[in-house]
Amino acid sequence: MQESNTSPLIEHLESQFGTIVGSWCSDDTQYHSSIQIVEFRRGTVNRVTILRTLGLSHVPIGTNGTRQELFLMIKDGQLDAGLPAILDQVARERVRSEKAVPRGEVISKPGVLPGKGEFVALYAIHPVYYPDSFLTLRDKEGEILICWLLPIKHEELHYLQRNGWSKFDDLLDHANFDLFDLERPSVV
């Protein structure tokens, strides 16, 4: 019997996200050279491309040493060339600041995020399209938390700021469209 050379983290991710079809590496090696952005396709959610950090979990961040990986879900055919750079920038900012991304956090960027939907920020949300067992991976060094960053629109950001993440999550739970569609309407 042949032993697999694939890491437990890659196996865990491929079980839901599908096959790795591409990757990007930043020129910024100041804060951790092993962070990459990988692209997954043909996962358990149909017609979705996943962009995900790989290597961020090698760097424990925060006072409790949280290990985390971040991902974006994008409808197939909507992957903008600027999105890997945005995700890479968020990951490196987290290493520099030594702060993990908690559920409900909003990560604002100047201007509009790449794509057609006029999204202004990323929102850390529970990955509702995947089983709860997928959200955490245990390896020999402890837990790795998997965090979905959902692009949100200006009016959604204002609603969230006024009403809090719990009420905003309720709106997302009742959306009658795919949240990963970068041409989706606002939930507000």
C-alpha atoms as a PDB file:
ATOM      1  CA  MET A   1       0.000   0.000   0.000  1.00  0.00           C
ATOM      2  CA  GLN A   2       1.350   3.420  -0.976  1.00  0.00           C
ATOM      3  CA  GLU A   3       1.423   6.176   1.639  1.00  0.00           C
ATOM      4  CA  SER A   4      -0.049   9.560   0.688  1.00  0.00           C
ATOM      5  CA  ASN A   5       2.320  12.546   0.519  1.00  0.00           C
ATOM      6  CA  THR A   6      -0.596  14.963   0.857  1.00  0.00           C
ATOM      7  CA  SER A   7      -0.808  16.878   4.140  1.00  0.00           C
ATOM      8  CA  PRO A   8      -3.840  16.384   6.394  1.00  0.00           C
ATOM      9  CA  LEU A   9      -4.774  20.038   5.782  1.00  0.00           C
ATOM     10  CA  ILE A  10      -4.801  19.593   1.981  1.00  0.00           C
ATOM     11  CA  GLU A  11      -6.816  16.365   2.306  1.00  0.00           C
ATOM     12  CA  HIS A  12      -9.288  18.138   4.610  1.00  0.00           C
ATOM     13  CA  LEU A  13      -9.716  21.031   2.169  1.00  0.00           C
ATOM     14  CA  GLU A  14      -9.979  18.888  -0.944  1.00  0.00           C
ATOM     15  CA  SER A  15     -12.712  16.811   0.725  1.00  0.00           C
ATOM     16  CA  GLN A  16     -15.055  19.818   0.355  1.00  0.00           C
ATOM     17  CA  PHE A  17     -13.360  22.387  -1.902  1.00  0.00           C
ATOM     18  CA  GLY A  18     -12.311  19.988  -4.682  1.00  0.00           C
ATOM     19  CA  THR A  19      -9.025  19.891  -6.552  1.00  0.00           C
ATOM     20  CA  ILE A  20      -6.291  22.535  -6.443  1.00  0.00           C
ATOM     21  CA  VAL A  21      -6.028  23.961  -9.958  1.00  0.00           C
ATOM     22  CA  GLY A  22      -3.760  26.973  -9.409  1.00  0.00           C
ATOM     23  CA  SER A  23      -1.801  28.999  -6.888  1.00  0.00           C
ATOM     24  CA  TRP A  24      -0.325  32.450  -6.370  1.00  0.00           C
ATOM     25  CA  CYS A  25       2.603  33.559  -4.216  1.00  0.00           C
ATOM     26  CA  SER A  26       3.222  37.116  -3.107  1.00  0.00           C
ATOM     27  CA  ASP A  27       6.498  38.928  -3.548  1.00  0.00           C
ATOM     28  CA  ASP A  28       6.091  40.064   0.079  1.00  0.00           C
ATOM     29  CA  THR A  29       8.282  37.656   2.039  1.00  0.00           C
ATOM     30  CA  GLN A  30       8.756  40.008   4.999  1.00  0.00           C
ATOM     31  CA  TYR A  31       5.960  38.491   7.080  1.00  0.00           C
ATOM     32  CA  HIS A  32       5.885  34.866   6.055  1.00  0.00           C
ATOM     33  CA  SER A  33       7.092  33.418   2.831  1.00  0.00           C
ATOM     34  CA  SER A  34       5.058  30.206   3.041  1.00  0.00           C
ATOM     35  CA  ILE A  35       1.657  31.915   2.622  1.00  0.00           C
ATOM     36  CA  GLN A  36       0.121  31.145  -0.772  1.00  0.00           C
ATOM     37  CA  ILE A  37      -3.294  31.605  -2.325  1.00  0.00           C
ATOM     38  CA  VAL A  38      -4.643  28.424  -3.905  1.00  0.00           C
ATOM     39  CA  GLU A  39      -7.598  27.958  -6.242  1.00  0.00           C
ATOM     40  CA  PHE A  40      -9.914  24.966  -5.824  1.00  0.00           C
ATOM     41  CA  ARG A  41     -12.565  23.747  -8.265  1.00  0.00           C
ATOM     42  CA  ARG A  42     -15.055  20.895  -8.547  1.00  0.00           C
ATOM     43  CA  GLY A  43     -15.888  20.723  -4.839  1.00  0.00           C
ATOM     44  CA  THR A  44     -19.090  19.751  -3.062  1.00  0.00           C
ATOM     45  CA  VAL A  45     -20.762  23.096  -3.834  1.00  0.00           C
ATOM     46  CA  ASN A  46     -21.578  23.123  -7.558  1.00  0.00           C
ATOM     47  CA  ARG A  47     -20.335  25.893  -9.843  1.00  0.00           C
ATOM     48  CA  VAL A  48     -18.033  27.438  -7.252  1.00  0.00           C
ATOM     49  CA  THR A  49     -14.381  28.427  -7.299  1.00  0.00           C
ATOM     50  CA  ILE A  50     -12.626  28.699  -3.948  1.00  0.00           C
ATOM     51  CA  LEU A  51      -9.675  30.996  -3.274  1.00  0.00           C
ATOM     52  CA  ARG A  52      -7.995  30.068  -0.059  1.00  0.00           C
ATOM     53  CA  THR A  53      -4.894  30.838   1.945  1.00  0.00           C
ATOM     54  CA  LEU A  54      -2.454  28.000   2.394  1.00  0.00           C
ATOM     55  CA  GLY A  55       0.295  28.394   4.943  1.00  0.00           C
ATOM     56  CA  LEU A  56      -1.354  31.068   7.095  1.00  0.00           C
ATOM     57  CA  SER A  57      -1.991  28.378   9.715  1.00  0.00           C
ATOM     58  CA  HIS A  58       1.783  27.876  10.041  1.00  0.00           C
ATOM     59  CA  VAL A  59       1.827  31.198  11.894  1.00  0.00           C
ATOM     60  CA  PRO A  60       0.018  31.190  15.257  1.00  0.00           C
ATOM     61  CA  ILE A  61      -1.541  34.640  15.666  1.00  0.00           C
ATOM     62  CA  GLY A  62      -3.096  36.453  18.583  1.00  0.00           C
ATOM     63  CA  THR A  63      -2.508  36.017  22.281  1.00  0.00           C
ATOM     64  CA  ASN A  64      -3.946  32.497  22.279  1.00  0.00           C
ATOM     65  CA  GLY A  65      -1.940  31.360  19.226  1.00  0.00           C
ATOM     66  CA  THR A  66      -4.943  30.905  16.921  1.00  0.00           C
ATOM     67  CA  ARG A  67      -4.151  29.083  13.695  1.00  0.00           C
ATOM     68  CA  GLN A  68      -6.433  29.988  10.839  1.00  0.00           C
ATOM     69  CA  GLU A  69      -6.936  29.726   7.088  1.00  0.00           C
ATOM     70  CA  LEU A  70      -9.189  32.107   5.121  1.00  0.00           C
ATOM     71  CA  PHE A  71     -11.218  31.572   1.964  1.00  0.00           C
ATOM     72  CA  LEU A  72     -13.430  33.291  -0.600  1.00  0.00           C
ATOM     73  CA  MET A  73     -16.204  31.540  -2.544  1.00  0.00           C
ATOM     74  CA  ILE A  74     -16.826  32.785  -6.077  1.00  0.00           C
ATOM     75  CA  LYS A  75     -19.302  31.602  -8.668  1.00  0.00           C
ATOM     76  CA  ASP A  76     -17.478  29.861 -11.539  1.00  0.00           C
ATOM     77  CA  GLY A  77     -16.598  32.347 -14.263  1.00  0.00           C
ATOM     78  CA  GLN A  78     -16.467  35.362 -11.887  1.00  0.00           C
ATOM     79  CA  LEU A  79     -12.896  35.052 -10.629  1.00  0.00           C
ATOM     80  CA  ASP A  80     -11.315  38.480 -10.952  1.00  0.00           C
ATOM     81  CA  ALA A  81      -7.522  38.655 -11.255  1.00  0.00           C
ATOM     82  CA  GLY A  82      -7.375  41.052  -8.266  1.00  0.00           C
ATOM     83  CA  LEU A  83      -9.061  38.726  -5.752  1.00  0.00           C
ATOM     84  CA  PRO A  84      -6.014  36.547  -4.963  1.00  0.00           C
ATOM     85  CA  ALA A  85      -4.037  39.703  -4.143  1.00  0.00           C
ATOM     86  CA  ILE A  86      -6.808  40.944  -1.813  1.00  0.00           C
ATOM     87  CA  LEU A  87      -6.893  37.623   0.070  1.00  0.00           C
ATOM     88  CA  ASP A  88      -3.100  37.566   0.288  1.00  0.00           C
ATOM     89  CA  GLN A  89      -3.095  41.132   1.623  1.00  0.00           C
ATOM     90  CA  VAL A  90      -5.662  40.251   4.307  1.00  0.00           C
ATOM     91  CA  ALA A  91      -3.621  37.203   5.383  1.00  0.00           C
ATOM     92  CA  ARG A  92      -0.388  39.178   5.625  1.00  0.00           C
ATOM     93  CA  GLU A  93      -2.107  41.991   7.529  1.00  0.00           C
ATOM     94  CA  ARG A  94      -3.255  39.370  10.045  1.00  0.00           C
ATOM     95  CA  VAL A  95       0.281  38.077  10.517  1.00  0.00           C
ATOM     96  CA  ARG A  96       1.617  41.641  10.940  1.00  0.00           C
ATOM     97  CA  SER A  97      -1.117  42.644  13.397  1.00  0.00           C
ATOM     98  CA  GLU A  98      -1.056  39.270  15.165  1.00  0.00           C
ATOM     99  CA  LYS A  99      -4.882  39.212  15.151  1.00  0.00           C
ATOM    100  CA  ALA A 100      -7.042  36.359  13.893  1.00  0.00           C
ATOM    101  CA  VAL A 101     -10.279  37.025  11.994  1.00  0.00           C
ATOM    102  CA  PRO A 102     -13.218  36.373  14.364  1.00  0.00           C
ATOM    103  CA  ARG A 103     -16.729  35.605  13.160  1.00  0.00           C
ATOM    104  CA  GLY A 104     -18.631  38.813  12.479  1.00  0.00           C
ATOM    105  CA  GLU A 105     -15.577  40.958  11.745  1.00  0.00           C
ATOM    106  CA  VAL A 106     -15.659  43.339   8.794  1.00  0.00           C
ATOM    107  CA  ILE A 107     -12.454  43.896   6.848  1.00  0.00           C
ATOM    108  CA  SER A 108     -12.692  47.125   4.883  1.00  0.00           C
ATOM    109  CA  LYS A 109     -10.490  48.011   1.957  1.00  0.00           C
ATOM    110  CA  PRO A 110     -10.230  51.418   0.318  1.00  0.00           C
ATOM    111  CA  GLY A 111     -12.484  51.707  -2.714  1.00  0.00           C
ATOM    112  CA  VAL A 112     -14.424  48.855  -4.263  1.00  0.00           C
ATOM    113  CA  LEU A 113     -13.253  45.237  -4.306  1.00  0.00           C
ATOM    114  CA  PRO A 114     -12.493  43.722  -7.728  1.00  0.00           C
ATOM    115  CA  GLY A 115     -15.475  42.377  -9.652  1.00  0.00           C
ATOM    116  CA  LYS A 116     -18.825  43.638 -10.900  1.00  0.00           C
ATOM    117  CA  GLY A 117     -20.786  43.660  -7.656  1.00  0.00           C
ATOM    118  CA  GLU A 118     -19.512  46.888  -6.077  1.00  0.00           C
ATOM    119  CA  PHE A 119     -18.453  45.160  -2.879  1.00  0.00           C
ATOM    120  CA  VAL A 120     -16.749  47.372  -0.296  1.00  0.00           C
ATOM    121  CA  ALA A 121     -15.664  44.981   2.452  1.00  0.00           C
ATOM    122  CA  LEU A 122     -15.187  41.365   3.473  1.00  0.00           C
ATOM    123  CA  TYR A 123     -17.288  39.859   6.242  1.00  0.00           C
ATOM    124  CA  ALA A 124     -16.179  36.860   8.338  1.00  0.00           C
ATOM    125  CA  ILE A 125     -19.061  34.411   8.317  1.00  0.00           C
ATOM    126  CA  HIS A 126     -19.782  30.833   9.309  1.00  0.00           C
ATOM    127  CA  PRO A 127     -19.290  28.711   6.146  1.00  0.00           C
ATOM    128  CA  VAL A 128     -22.942  27.722   5.775  1.00  0.00           C
ATOM    129  CA  TYR A 129     -22.382  25.752   2.576  1.00  0.00           C
ATOM    130  CA  TYR A 130     -20.145  23.239   4.377  1.00  0.00           C
ATOM    131  CA  PRO A 131     -20.685  20.859   7.311  1.00  0.00           C
ATOM    132  CA  ASP A 132     -19.737  22.051  10.802  1.00  0.00           C
ATOM    133  CA  SER A 133     -17.118  19.291  10.955  1.00  0.00           C
ATOM    134  CA  PHE A 134     -15.259  21.095   8.158  1.00  0.00           C
ATOM    135  CA  LEU A 135     -14.793  24.328  10.137  1.00  0.00           C
ATOM    136  CA  THR A 136     -11.979  23.006  12.312  1.00  0.00           C
ATOM    137  CA  LEU A 137      -9.114  20.675  11.560  1.00  0.00           C
ATOM    138  CA  ARG A 138      -7.059  19.086  14.285  1.00  0.00           C
ATOM    139  CA  ASP A 139      -3.460  18.267  13.491  1.00  0.00           C
ATOM    140  CA  LYS A 140      -0.442  17.435  15.670  1.00  0.00           C
ATOM    141  CA  GLU A 141      -0.040  21.136  16.568  1.00  0.00           C
ATOM    142  CA  GLY A 142      -3.677  21.778  17.547  1.00  0.00           C
ATOM    143  CA  GLU A 143      -6.691  23.301  15.805  1.00  0.00           C
ATOM    144  CA  ILE A 144      -6.846  25.149  12.503  1.00  0.00           C
ATOM    145  CA  LEU A 145      -9.963  27.298  12.068  1.00  0.00           C
ATOM    146  CA  ILE A 146     -11.433  27.731   8.570  1.00  0.00           C
ATOM    147  CA  CYS A 147     -12.954  31.199   7.991  1.00  0.00           C
ATOM    148  CA  TRP A 148     -15.105  32.321   5.030  1.00  0.00           C
ATOM    149  CA  LEU A 149     -14.727  35.951   3.954  1.00  0.00           C
ATOM    150  CA  LEU A 150     -17.907  37.062   2.191  1.00  0.00           C
ATOM    151  CA  PRO A 151     -17.764  40.215   0.033  1.00  0.00           C
ATOM    152  CA  ILE A 152     -20.450  42.660   1.175  1.00  0.00           C
ATOM    153  CA  LYS A 153     -21.980  45.769  -0.381  1.00  0.00           C
ATOM    154  CA  HIS A 154     -22.147  49.317   0.977  1.00  0.00           C
ATOM    155  CA  GLU A 155     -25.759  49.050   2.208  1.00  0.00           C
ATOM    156  CA  GLU A 156     -25.005  45.669   3.827  1.00  0.00           C
ATOM    157  CA  LEU A 157     -22.030  47.171   5.641  1.00  0.00           C
ATOM    158  CA  HIS A 158     -24.211  49.991   7.007  1.00  0.00           C
ATOM    159  CA  TYR A 159     -26.900  47.527   8.121  1.00  0.00           C
ATOM    160  CA  LEU A 160     -24.277  45.408   9.863  1.00  0.00           C
ATOM    161  CA  GLN A 161     -22.782  48.431  11.624  1.00  0.00           C
ATOM    162  CA  ARG A 162     -26.237  49.562  12.851  1.00  0.00           C
ATOM    163  CA  ASN A 163     -27.679  46.152  13.791  1.00  0.00           C
ATOM    164  CA  GLY A 164     -24.754  43.853  14.561  1.00  0.00           C
ATOM    165  CA  TRP A 165     -23.525  40.631  12.998  1.00  0.00           C
ATOM    166  CA  SER A 166     -26.202  38.355  14.483  1.00  0.00           C
ATOM    167  CA  LYS A 167     -29.050  40.220  12.746  1.00  0.00           C
ATOM    168  CA  PHE A 168     -27.024  40.482   9.549  1.00  0.00           C
ATOM    169  CA  ASP A 169     -26.423  36.716   9.641  1.00  0.00           C
ATOM    170  CA  ASP A 170     -30.207  36.245   9.898  1.00  0.00           C
ATOM    171  CA  LEU A 171     -30.638  38.204   6.655  1.00  0.00           C
ATOM    172  CA  LEU A 172     -27.964  36.107   4.967  1.00  0.00           C
ATOM    173  CA  ASP A 173     -29.642  32.894   6.172  1.00  0.00           C
ATOM    174  CA  HIS A 174     -32.869  33.935   4.438  1.00  0.00           C
ATOM    175  CA  ALA A 175     -31.310  35.086   1.141  1.00  0.00           C
ATOM    176  CA  ASN A 176     -32.975  33.496  -1.897  1.00  0.00           C
ATOM    177  CA  PHE A 177     -29.818  33.593  -4.016  1.00  0.00           C
ATOM    178  CA  ASP A 178     -26.265  32.290  -3.875  1.00  0.00           C
ATOM    179  CA  LEU A 179     -24.148  34.408  -1.555  1.00  0.00           C
ATOM    180  CA  PHE A 180     -21.026  33.504  -3.554  1.00  0.00           C
ATOM    181  CA  ASP A 181     -22.433  35.127  -6.721  1.00  0.00           C
ATOM    182  CA  LEU A 182     -20.481  38.346  -7.214  1.00  0.00           C
ATOM    183  CA  GLU A 183     -23.399  39.736  -9.201  1.00  0.00           C
ATOM    184  CA  ARG A 184     -25.903  39.072  -6.421  1.00  0.00           C
ATOM    185  CA  PRO A 185     -28.279  41.709  -5.096  1.00  0.00           C
ATOM    186  CA  SER A 186     -27.933  43.172  -1.624  1.00  0.00           C
ATOM    187  CA  VAL A 187     -29.590  41.250   1.225  1.00  0.00           C
ATOM    188  CA  VAL A 188     -30.754  44.542   2.740  1.00  0.00           C
END
